[in-house]
């Protein structure tokens, strides 16, 4: 006992004792936070009623994509995603989340708003598909809004309402919230994918994607 007391009086002993105390305190707080639901798995993606979903709504596999409509890589991945969805019609559902990289893509935010404005009228996925199919047409111009309104007309949307919803603060807040959630989940580029809540390395082919989906059904 005397030896222990002497050790704790030394500088080294005090440092070690302090570190142990900090570790114990942090562990105690973490245990308390987990017990009270304050700490969640940072890799977990929670699907909500406000999400846009397509595919097998009751499928065993959920693929969440964080993407930017002006991102060339996202555009390049889109045919692959559609192929994978077609290959897994009864097991796969896809959820789209906004992650506009506004620092480098000047039209990313208004494009995201356009899909949400179309979604108000029940045409989110239709606008989603047009924006990726025609990405080279609208993405680099100064008149992106004109293109978007034109696409709304093509989809048979109420153009006045669509134009008003492009300026909706509610829509902008939803997009920002999805971006912030993506950042918390470790998304730092687009596209980024999660399968059943877990972040994955981007597959380079439909076959590689299908293999991951197959594994997720086991």
C-alpha atoms as a PDB file:
ATOM      1  CA  UNK A   1       0.000   0.000   0.000  1.00  0.00           C
ATOM      2  CA  UNK A   2       2.834   2.407   0.874  1.00  0.00           C
ATOM      3  CA  UNK A   3       4.568   1.624  -2.415  1.00  0.00           C
ATOM      4  CA  UNK A   4       1.365   2.397  -4.312  1.00  0.00           C
ATOM      5  CA  UNK A   5       0.912   5.698  -2.496  1.00  0.00           C
ATOM      6  CA  UNK A   6       4.510   6.655  -3.232  1.00  0.00           C
ATOM      7  CA  UNK A   7       4.043   5.783  -6.896  1.00  0.00           C
ATOM      8  CA  UNK A   8       0.965   7.966  -7.178  1.00  0.00           C
ATOM      9  CA  UNK A   9       2.907  10.888  -5.703  1.00  0.00           C
ATOM     10  CA  UNK A  10       5.403  10.793  -8.540  1.00  0.00           C
ATOM     11  CA  UNK A  11       4.808  12.776 -11.728  1.00  0.00           C
ATOM     12  CA  UNK A  12       4.526   9.658 -13.836  1.00  0.00           C
ATOM     13  CA  UNK A  13       2.090   8.120 -11.427  1.00  0.00           C
ATOM     14  CA  UNK A  14      -0.106  11.213 -11.413  1.00  0.00           C
ATOM     15  CA  UNK A  15      -0.191  11.323 -15.211  1.00  0.00           C
ATOM     16  CA  UNK A  16      -1.158   7.667 -15.461  1.00  0.00           C
ATOM     17  CA  UNK A  17      -3.756   8.049 -12.737  1.00  0.00           C
ATOM     18  CA  UNK A  18      -5.209  11.059 -14.566  1.00  0.00           C
ATOM     19  CA  UNK A  19      -5.427   9.184 -17.850  1.00  0.00           C
ATOM     20  CA  UNK A  20      -7.110   6.257 -16.139  1.00  0.00           C
ATOM     21  CA  UNK A  21      -9.630   8.602 -14.541  1.00  0.00           C
ATOM     22  CA  UNK A  22     -10.402  10.220 -17.916  1.00  0.00           C
ATOM     23  CA  UNK A  23     -10.814   6.827 -19.568  1.00  0.00           C
ATOM     24  CA  UNK A  24     -13.168   5.642 -16.833  1.00  0.00           C
ATOM     25  CA  UNK A  25     -15.213   8.838 -17.088  1.00  0.00           C
ATOM     26  CA  UNK A  26     -15.492   8.593 -20.883  1.00  0.00           C
ATOM     27  CA  UNK A  27     -16.462   4.937 -20.705  1.00  0.00           C
ATOM     28  CA  UNK A  28     -19.098   5.703 -18.094  1.00  0.00           C
ATOM     29  CA  UNK A  29     -20.532   8.512 -20.229  1.00  0.00           C
ATOM     30  CA  UNK A  30     -20.552   6.349 -23.363  1.00  0.00           C
ATOM     31  CA  UNK A  31     -22.338   3.543 -21.524  1.00  0.00           C
ATOM     32  CA  UNK A  32     -24.896   6.035 -20.214  1.00  0.00           C
ATOM     33  CA  UNK A  33     -25.407   7.573 -23.663  1.00  0.00           C
ATOM     34  CA  UNK A  34     -25.860   4.203 -25.361  1.00  0.00           C
ATOM     35  CA  UNK A  35     -28.292   3.097 -22.664  1.00  0.00           C
ATOM     36  CA  UNK A  36     -30.351   6.228 -23.264  1.00  0.00           C
ATOM     37  CA  UNK A  37     -30.273   6.072 -27.063  1.00  0.00           C
ATOM     38  CA  UNK A  38     -27.978   9.083 -27.475  1.00  0.00           C
ATOM     39  CA  UNK A  39     -25.278   7.232 -29.402  1.00  0.00           C
ATOM     40  CA  UNK A  40     -25.999   5.468 -32.684  1.00  0.00           C
ATOM     41  CA  UNK A  41     -23.881   3.459 -35.080  1.00  0.00           C
ATOM     42  CA  UNK A  42     -22.427   6.180 -37.313  1.00  0.00           C
ATOM     43  CA  UNK A  43     -22.647   3.833 -40.290  1.00  0.00           C
ATOM     44  CA  UNK A  44     -26.364   3.233 -39.916  1.00  0.00           C
ATOM     45  CA  UNK A  45     -28.753   4.828 -42.396  1.00  0.00           C
ATOM     46  CA  UNK A  46     -32.317   5.159 -41.159  1.00  0.00           C
ATOM     47  CA  UNK A  47     -35.062   5.195 -43.808  1.00  0.00           C
ATOM     48  CA  UNK A  48     -37.873   7.683 -43.159  1.00  0.00           C
ATOM     49  CA  UNK A  49     -41.287   8.493 -44.600  1.00  0.00           C
ATOM     50  CA  UNK A  50     -39.825  11.484 -46.449  1.00  0.00           C
ATOM     51  CA  UNK A  51     -37.397   9.343 -48.449  1.00  0.00           C
ATOM     52  CA  UNK A  52     -37.875   8.643 -52.137  1.00  0.00           C
ATOM     53  CA  UNK A  53     -37.923   4.888 -52.701  1.00  0.00           C
ATOM     54  CA  UNK A  54     -38.303   2.689 -55.761  1.00  0.00           C
ATOM     55  CA  UNK A  55     -37.979  -0.994 -56.491  1.00  0.00           C
ATOM     56  CA  UNK A  56     -39.206  -3.775 -54.209  1.00  0.00           C
ATOM     57  CA  UNK A  57     -40.665  -1.797 -51.315  1.00  0.00           C
ATOM     58  CA  UNK A  58     -40.625  -4.920 -49.121  1.00  0.00           C
ATOM     59  CA  UNK A  59     -37.271  -6.133 -50.445  1.00  0.00           C
ATOM     60  CA  UNK A  60     -34.636  -7.552 -48.117  1.00  0.00           C
ATOM     61  CA  UNK A  61     -31.929  -5.246 -49.465  1.00  0.00           C
ATOM     62  CA  UNK A  62     -31.962  -1.461 -49.224  1.00  0.00           C
ATOM     63  CA  UNK A  63     -29.497   0.469 -51.351  1.00  0.00           C
ATOM     64  CA  UNK A  64     -29.106   4.112 -50.332  1.00  0.00           C
ATOM     65  CA  UNK A  65     -27.348   6.419 -52.753  1.00  0.00           C
ATOM     66  CA  UNK A  66     -26.040   9.863 -51.824  1.00  0.00           C
ATOM     67  CA  UNK A  67     -25.632  11.736 -55.093  1.00  0.00           C
ATOM     68  CA  UNK A  68     -25.285  15.070 -56.856  1.00  0.00           C
ATOM     69  CA  UNK A  69     -27.225  15.523 -60.103  1.00  0.00           C
ATOM     70  CA  UNK A  70     -24.432  17.587 -61.670  1.00  0.00           C
ATOM     71  CA  UNK A  71     -21.723  15.088 -60.698  1.00  0.00           C
ATOM     72  CA  UNK A  72     -20.336  13.327 -63.813  1.00  0.00           C
ATOM     73  CA  UNK A  73     -19.504  10.200 -61.795  1.00  0.00           C
ATOM     74  CA  UNK A  74     -23.099  10.009 -60.556  1.00  0.00           C
ATOM     75  CA  UNK A  75     -24.294  10.301 -64.132  1.00  0.00           C
ATOM     76  CA  UNK A  76     -21.925   7.526 -65.182  1.00  0.00           C
ATOM     77  CA  UNK A  77     -23.178   5.272 -62.379  1.00  0.00           C
ATOM     78  CA  UNK A  78     -26.860   5.786 -63.170  1.00  0.00           C
ATOM     79  CA  UNK A  79     -27.109   3.139 -65.954  1.00  0.00           C
ATOM     80  CA  UNK A  80     -25.375   0.675 -63.639  1.00  0.00           C
ATOM     81  CA  UNK A  81     -27.882   1.396 -60.851  1.00  0.00           C
ATOM     82  CA  UNK A  82     -30.816   0.904 -63.201  1.00  0.00           C
ATOM     83  CA  UNK A  83     -29.335  -2.383 -64.427  1.00  0.00           C
ATOM     84  CA  UNK A  84     -28.874  -3.634 -60.868  1.00  0.00           C
ATOM     85  CA  UNK A  85     -32.455  -2.670 -60.021  1.00  0.00           C
ATOM     86  CA  UNK A  86     -33.718  -4.577 -63.062  1.00  0.00           C
ATOM     87  CA  UNK A  87     -31.605  -7.597 -62.060  1.00  0.00           C
ATOM     88  CA  UNK A  88     -33.099  -7.685 -58.548  1.00  0.00           C
ATOM     89  CA  UNK A  89     -36.792  -6.814 -58.969  1.00  0.00           C
ATOM     90  CA  UNK A  90     -38.037  -8.660 -55.880  1.00  0.00           C
ATOM     91  CA  UNK A  91     -35.202  -8.097 -53.417  1.00  0.00           C
ATOM     92  CA  UNK A  92     -33.860  -4.568 -53.956  1.00  0.00           C
ATOM     93  CA  UNK A  93     -35.232  -1.168 -53.085  1.00  0.00           C
ATOM     94  CA  UNK A  94     -33.330   2.016 -53.807  1.00  0.00           C
ATOM     95  CA  UNK A  95     -33.387   5.176 -51.714  1.00  0.00           C
ATOM     96  CA  UNK A  96     -32.041   8.450 -53.075  1.00  0.00           C
ATOM     97  CA  UNK A  97     -30.466  11.066 -50.813  1.00  0.00           C
ATOM     98  CA  UNK A  98     -29.258  14.505 -51.890  1.00  0.00           C
ATOM     99  CA  UNK A  99     -25.592  15.419 -51.515  1.00  0.00           C
ATOM    100  CA  UNK A 100     -25.086  18.479 -53.754  1.00  0.00           C
ATOM    101  CA  UNK A 101     -21.440  19.509 -54.011  1.00  0.00           C
ATOM    102  CA  UNK A 102     -22.212  23.193 -54.384  1.00  0.00           C
ATOM    103  CA  UNK A 103     -18.579  24.246 -54.005  1.00  0.00           C
ATOM    104  CA  UNK A 104     -17.763  22.769 -57.417  1.00  0.00           C
ATOM    105  CA  UNK A 105     -21.167  22.283 -59.077  1.00  0.00           C
ATOM    106  CA  UNK A 106     -23.029  25.551 -59.498  1.00  0.00           C
ATOM    107  CA  UNK A 107     -26.286  23.926 -60.609  1.00  0.00           C
ATOM    108  CA  UNK A 108     -26.336  21.004 -58.176  1.00  0.00           C
ATOM    109  CA  UNK A 109     -28.622  22.646 -55.636  1.00  0.00           C
ATOM    110  CA  UNK A 110     -31.254  23.895 -58.059  1.00  0.00           C
ATOM    111  CA  UNK A 111     -31.275  20.464 -59.726  1.00  0.00           C
ATOM    112  CA  UNK A 112     -31.911  18.818 -56.363  1.00  0.00           C
ATOM    113  CA  UNK A 113     -34.694  21.338 -55.748  1.00  0.00           C
ATOM    114  CA  UNK A 114     -36.199  20.471 -59.128  1.00  0.00           C
ATOM    115  CA  UNK A 115     -36.548  16.800 -58.211  1.00  0.00           C
ATOM    116  CA  UNK A 116     -38.168  17.685 -54.896  1.00  0.00           C
ATOM    117  CA  UNK A 117     -40.470  20.205 -56.575  1.00  0.00           C
ATOM    118  CA  UNK A 118     -41.465  17.482 -59.037  1.00  0.00           C
ATOM    119  CA  UNK A 119     -41.883  15.124 -56.094  1.00  0.00           C
ATOM    120  CA  UNK A 120     -44.498  17.436 -54.603  1.00  0.00           C
ATOM    121  CA  UNK A 121     -46.539  16.593 -57.710  1.00  0.00           C
ATOM    122  CA  UNK A 122     -45.686  12.887 -57.578  1.00  0.00           C
ATOM    123  CA  UNK A 123     -42.919  12.897 -60.194  1.00  0.00           C
ATOM    124  CA  UNK A 124     -39.663  12.762 -58.222  1.00  0.00           C
ATOM    125  CA  UNK A 125     -38.217   9.728 -59.989  1.00  0.00           C
ATOM    126  CA  UNK A 126     -39.284  10.943 -63.409  1.00  0.00           C
ATOM    127  CA  UNK A 127     -37.397  14.212 -62.868  1.00  0.00           C
ATOM    128  CA  UNK A 128     -34.502  12.281 -61.329  1.00  0.00           C
ATOM    129  CA  UNK A 129     -34.184  10.186 -64.490  1.00  0.00           C
ATOM    130  CA  UNK A 130     -34.439  13.138 -66.870  1.00  0.00           C
ATOM    131  CA  UNK A 131     -31.724  15.068 -65.027  1.00  0.00           C
ATOM    132  CA  UNK A 132     -29.283  12.187 -65.290  1.00  0.00           C
ATOM    133  CA  UNK A 133     -30.261  11.330 -68.868  1.00  0.00           C
ATOM    134  CA  UNK A 134     -29.806  14.944 -69.985  1.00  0.00           C
ATOM    135  CA  UNK A 135     -27.037  15.920 -67.573  1.00  0.00           C
ATOM    136  CA  UNK A 136     -24.795  17.295 -70.325  1.00  0.00           C
ATOM    137  CA  UNK A 137     -27.563  19.603 -71.557  1.00  0.00           C
ATOM    138  CA  UNK A 138     -28.418  21.494 -68.375  1.00  0.00           C
ATOM    139  CA  UNK A 139     -25.513  21.035 -65.984  1.00  0.00           C
ATOM    140  CA  UNK A 140     -22.939  23.522 -67.258  1.00  0.00           C
ATOM    141  CA  UNK A 141     -25.121  26.342 -68.527  1.00  0.00           C
ATOM    142  CA  UNK A 142     -26.146  29.587 -66.889  1.00  0.00           C
ATOM    143  CA  UNK A 143     -29.778  28.918 -67.790  1.00  0.00           C
ATOM    144  CA  UNK A 144     -30.245  25.639 -65.903  1.00  0.00           C
ATOM    145  CA  UNK A 145     -33.536  26.875 -64.460  1.00  0.00           C
ATOM    146  CA  UNK A 146     -34.997  27.223 -67.964  1.00  0.00           C
ATOM    147  CA  UNK A 147     -34.079  23.613 -68.706  1.00  0.00           C
ATOM    148  CA  UNK A 148     -35.650  22.446 -65.447  1.00  0.00           C
ATOM    149  CA  UNK A 149     -38.908  24.269 -66.094  1.00  0.00           C
ATOM    150  CA  UNK A 150     -38.909  22.756 -69.572  1.00  0.00           C
ATOM    151  CA  UNK A 151     -38.504  19.266 -68.116  1.00  0.00           C
ATOM    152  CA  UNK A 152     -41.387  19.978 -65.732  1.00  0.00           C
ATOM    153  CA  UNK A 153     -43.541  20.852 -68.737  1.00  0.00           C
ATOM    154  CA  UNK A 154     -42.488  17.616 -70.459  1.00  0.00           C
ATOM    155  CA  UNK A 155     -43.618  15.682 -67.380  1.00  0.00           C
ATOM    156  CA  UNK A 156     -46.985  17.416 -67.412  1.00  0.00           C
ATOM    157  CA  UNK A 157     -46.428  19.249 -64.138  1.00  0.00           C
ATOM    158  CA  UNK A 158     -48.146  22.438 -63.066  1.00  0.00           C
ATOM    159  CA  UNK A 159     -45.421  24.858 -64.159  1.00  0.00           C
ATOM    160  CA  UNK A 160     -46.506  27.699 -61.890  1.00  0.00           C
ATOM    161  CA  UNK A 161     -46.455  25.477 -58.816  1.00  0.00           C
ATOM    162  CA  UNK A 162     -43.199  23.862 -59.899  1.00  0.00           C
ATOM    163  CA  UNK A 163     -41.509  27.252 -60.297  1.00  0.00           C
ATOM    164  CA  UNK A 164     -42.786  28.352 -56.891  1.00  0.00           C
ATOM    165  CA  UNK A 165     -41.559  25.149 -55.257  1.00  0.00           C
ATOM    166  CA  UNK A 166     -38.089  25.708 -56.716  1.00  0.00           C
ATOM    167  CA  UNK A 167     -37.897  28.614 -54.258  1.00  0.00           C
ATOM    168  CA  UNK A 168     -39.390  26.687 -51.333  1.00  0.00           C
ATOM    169  CA  UNK A 169     -37.440  27.011 -48.082  1.00  0.00           C
ATOM    170  CA  UNK A 170     -38.964  23.714 -46.924  1.00  0.00           C
ATOM    171  CA  UNK A 171     -37.466  21.906 -49.903  1.00  0.00           C
ATOM    172  CA  UNK A 172     -34.090  23.564 -49.403  1.00  0.00           C
ATOM    173  CA  UNK A 173     -34.075  22.555 -45.723  1.00  0.00           C
ATOM    174  CA  UNK A 174     -34.821  18.925 -46.656  1.00  0.00           C
ATOM    175  CA  UNK A 175     -31.910  18.857 -49.095  1.00  0.00           C
ATOM    176  CA  UNK A 176     -29.587  20.452 -46.544  1.00  0.00           C
ATOM    177  CA  UNK A 177     -30.671  17.951 -43.870  1.00  0.00           C
ATOM    178  CA  UNK A 178     -29.857  15.029 -46.167  1.00  0.00           C
ATOM    179  CA  UNK A 179     -26.480  16.554 -46.990  1.00  0.00           C
ATOM    180  CA  UNK A 180     -25.682  17.001 -43.304  1.00  0.00           C
ATOM    181  CA  UNK A 181     -26.721  13.439 -42.510  1.00  0.00           C
ATOM    182  CA  UNK A 182     -24.507  12.166 -45.307  1.00  0.00           C
ATOM    183  CA  UNK A 183     -21.561  14.101 -43.905  1.00  0.00           C
ATOM    184  CA  UNK A 184     -22.161  12.560 -40.471  1.00  0.00           C
ATOM    185  CA  UNK A 185     -22.213   9.116 -42.070  1.00  0.00           C
ATOM    186  CA  UNK A 186     -18.816   9.691 -43.632  1.00  0.00           C
ATOM    187  CA  UNK A 187     -19.905  10.683 -47.129  1.00  0.00           C
ATOM    188  CA  UNK A 188     -17.253  12.945 -48.650  1.00  0.00           C
ATOM    189  CA  UNK A 189     -17.864  12.414 -52.345  1.00  0.00           C
ATOM    190  CA  UNK A 190     -20.484  11.279 -54.809  1.00  0.00           C
ATOM    191  CA  UNK A 191     -21.848   8.839 -55.514  1.00  0.00           C
ATOM    192  CA  UNK A 192     -21.674   7.064 -52.148  1.00  0.00           C
ATOM    193  CA  UNK A 193     -23.615   3.894 -51.418  1.00  0.00           C
ATOM    194  CA  UNK A 194     -24.914   2.069 -48.359  1.00  0.00           C
ATOM    195  CA  UNK A 195     -26.343  -1.456 -48.397  1.00  0.00           C
ATOM    196  CA  UNK A 196     -28.640  -2.275 -45.488  1.00  0.00           C
ATOM    197  CA  UNK A 197     -27.241   0.664 -43.557  1.00  0.00           C
ATOM    198  CA  UNK A 198     -23.537  -0.017 -44.113  1.00  0.00           C
ATOM    199  CA  UNK A 199     -21.259   2.043 -46.337  1.00  0.00           C
ATOM    200  CA  UNK A 200     -19.637   0.099 -49.172  1.00  0.00           C
ATOM    201  CA  UNK A 201     -16.818   0.668 -51.611  1.00  0.00           C
ATOM    202  CA  UNK A 202     -18.290   1.667 -54.958  1.00  0.00           C
ATOM    203  CA  UNK A 203     -18.635  -1.448 -57.148  1.00  0.00           C
ATOM    204  CA  UNK A 204     -17.230  -1.068 -60.645  1.00  0.00           C
ATOM    205  CA  UNK A 205     -19.704  -3.307 -62.471  1.00  0.00           C
ATOM    206  CA  UNK A 206     -23.275  -4.619 -62.243  1.00  0.00           C
ATOM    207  CA  UNK A 207     -21.855  -8.048 -61.448  1.00  0.00           C
ATOM    208  CA  UNK A 208     -19.931  -6.713 -58.457  1.00  0.00           C
ATOM    209  CA  UNK A 209     -23.017  -4.843 -57.259  1.00  0.00           C
ATOM    210  CA  UNK A 210     -25.190  -7.930 -57.671  1.00  0.00           C
ATOM    211  CA  UNK A 211     -22.746  -9.984 -55.629  1.00  0.00           C
ATOM    212  CA  UNK A 212     -22.985  -7.528 -52.733  1.00  0.00           C
ATOM    213  CA  UNK A 213     -26.770  -7.620 -52.962  1.00  0.00           C
ATOM    214  CA  UNK A 214     -26.719 -11.419 -52.987  1.00  0.00           C
ATOM    215  CA  UNK A 215     -24.547 -11.456 -49.873  1.00  0.00           C
ATOM    216  CA  UNK A 216     -26.911  -9.027 -48.139  1.00  0.00           C
ATOM    217  CA  UNK A 217     -29.857 -11.398 -48.623  1.00  0.00           C
ATOM    218  CA  UNK A 218     -28.177 -14.220 -46.699  1.00  0.00           C
END
